[in-house]
Amino acid sequence: MRIIRTIAITLPATCGAALAQTSPPEAAPAPAQAASAPRTRPTPAQPTPQDAANRLERVEVSGAASDDSVRRQSTASKIVISREEIDRFGDSTLGEVLKRLPGVTTGGRPGRGGDIRMRGMGGGYTQILVNGERMPPGFSLDQLPPEQVERIEVLRAPTAEYGTRAVAGTINIVLREALKKKLNEMRAGFATERGRLSPGASWTRNDNFGDGHAYTFTVNALRGERVDNIINDTLTHTLATNTDSLLSSRGQSEDQRKSINLNGRVQFKLGDGESLVIQPFLVSNRSDSSSHLRQTTTPTPDPRPANFFDQVDTVGDSRFTMARLHSQWQTRLDSDTRLDLRAGLGRANGESHSLRQERLEGAATRLQDDSTRSNNRSWNALAKLSHSLGNEHSLVAGLEGEGNTQHQTRVTLVNGLPQPGLDDFGDDLDASSTRIAAYAQDEWAVGKQWDFYAGARWEGISTKSSAATYAASNRSSVFTPLAHARYKLDERGRQLLRMSLTRSYRSPQLQDLIARPSINNQVPQQINTPDRAGNPNLKPELATGLEIGFENYLSKGGLLSANLFARRITDLMRTVTSLETVPWSATPRWVARPQNIGKASTAGIELEARFRADEFIPEALPINIRSNLSFFTSKVDGIPGPNNRLDNQPKATANLGADYRLRSLPLSLGLSLNWTPSTTIQQTVLTEATSSRKLVTDAFALWAINPEQSLRLSASNLGAADYFTGSLSKTADQIVSSRSGGPSYTQWQLRWEMRI
């Protein structure tokens, strides 16, 4: 946690001059709070000698553990987002925090968070860690409140220690840490969207006990409600008859969710450089949902096909509980060697149930009842040995192991009977994955300007899945060498040049390997409404990456940077839809399966500028400006252009934000703009995917009631706009275009915050 102390000293002008003569030639970078503090501006009137003698000057002395200093000292390209930055806009999800980082985009409707993508690359290209660990299946970052996060670390290029399943990069979420500084922090408030209230509260406690021991815990409780309008349209053009058929659905969905999250950290100082840390982590969520859709087909088919309906109602509920216990023991074997041992156990349980009722002209035609129950157990262990050779030279070697075991039961009943064709696969599924890894890295400095990093990592992954009538397994291993370098263009290290040459990979997700199908009951079944199944023969993607970056740290805590990256990918995985003869149907069905389709490449540039306005305009107000602009390009070999890009990758993304603390009032104001253009992706020769432009404006006002209490009003997604995703599919006899989505909404939040 960043600790900031601001001391205001009032001195006569002569004393101020004396201090100025002995001050260092260059001030340390000031944190954002100090940068926004009120300052005394000079008056144009000429003071009299008596005025000059009596004039008092205000001198501010600030001390902080700067996040920029951590970024500067890292040999590999690294961004650190502090607790202060996480709190700045009062975001309700981590996705809303991360979207403002250079090159980061989120899936889903504007203002709703969603899956996190670095450099526009989704589907497992971005490695997401919590306290350096991967979370079990079913866990989403949206389940983790920002109040529980201490800092966010972003690595643009992979390193041996953090792992190399990071083709796009790594985002490591570090939970609250035990500090010696005592802290009681309480927050309570509510959000409202379309008139629905979502209250929430959190409490964080830091304290120490005994002889240097410390602890922290954070608990967060939330109840949320959402209402969405749903718009779905599918236009089918039949080539043989040159006719069109339009299927339209209009309706509304509601979602109510309750969650409680708890994490803690107890740190024992055992003496002689030895320490023990124990970290519990608990997440519990429950969601209840319902939706109502009316469906029209123009023209009305005559005769109507089997299972035709014009109305559907769905109700469902789900529960997810995850508990993890992590421990870490550190000791010094001698003055230059440190041993770090870590181990963790976890368990996650999930249950979901949905009831779908289809009707035709008010009469029930089909009732589908789905129930799923899953149990997941996980473990992980790590041993790391660090040795310092002196003269800024260190060696690190480590061994890692990780395992996940999943048991899932699924029951699907149609009108009270088992769904035809799925009996052969059974209701019970067992799946497991085991990963072992070994790595070594060497980091050293050459002279005063060069720093080098060389590392290598080997990982082996084994997955197994079995059901009533089949068993499948997959084994793969990857060797990834890594090299990073940092060059100081000036003696003080304010201007840096970074270079990286790396190998990384993307492993198949467990669900992509499991062969058990999932049936789409849309009538009629077409290429745009396929069934889904896994592929046990998938191989991991390999990527060779190059990074070149420039960073210029400004005197008042600002930063100007540019980063170029390129990746060459082999064995690209992509979901391919084709017409198959399947055991669960008497007629051929459209089925979407992941496949290795060949090679691809991507490249881009990420520009970032953070500074105070008076850094360049002396008479300007000290407004903090944060901006970044990224451009991406990619190409998938073997797929016709011009839009043969990686899945979901936009051509650009941009952020612009500003905040300022008023001088006359204890009030801080901020505004942020996030932009992602519309995208069109040629996924295969037959299919194309599209998504709307995102333009999200957020704002906040923070009133400091007193040094311990404040009141925050924030707005997310001002000027809310419609958002749609779509697809275009072509077959020998049809062209099918579809879109789904609807309007997005502005969320207002009022929150009281107290720190003791």
Foldseek 3Di string as FASTA:
>chain_A
DKDKDKDKDKDQPVVVVVVVVPDDPFDAADDPVVLQADADDDDPDDDDPVCNRPDIHIDIDMDIPDQVVVQLPDLAHKHKFALCQLPVFPQFFVLVSVLADWQWDADDAFSPRHFIDGLQFDDQQEAEAEQLHDDDPPDDRRLPGSVFFGMKMWGQADDQSSAFSHNRTYIYTYGDDADQDWKWKKKWWWKDWPRWIKTKIKIKTWHADDDPKIKIKMKMKIKDKDKFWKWKWKWKAFFVVRDIKIKIKTWMKMKIKIKMKMKMKIKDDPDQAKIKIKMKIKIKMKMKMKMKMFMDMVPQDVPDDPPDFGIKIKIKMKIKIKIKMKMKIKHAPDPFKIKIKIKMKMKMKMKMKMWMFTHHPPHTDKIKIKIKIKIKIKMKIKIKMKGDPDQAKIKMKMKMKMKMKMKMFMAMDMVRHGQFLQVLFARIKIKMKMKIKIKMKIWHADPQFKIKMKMKMKMKMKMWMGGDHDIFIDIDMDIKIKMKMKGQPDNVSQKIKIKIKIKHKGADDRQQQAFRKAQFPDPPADLVRFIEGHHNYQDIKMKIKIKIKIWGAASNGKIKMKMKMKIKIFQDKAWDWDWDDGSRDPHTTIYTHIGRDTIKMKIKMKIWIWAFPCSPPVPDNRKIKTKMKMAMDMADPPADDDQQGRPSNAGMKMKIKIKHQDNVFRKIKMKMWIWTAKGWHDRHNFKIKIKHIDIKMKMKMWHPPDPFKIKMKIKIRPVWAWIKMKMWGDDPTMIMIMIMTTTDIMMIMIMMMGMD
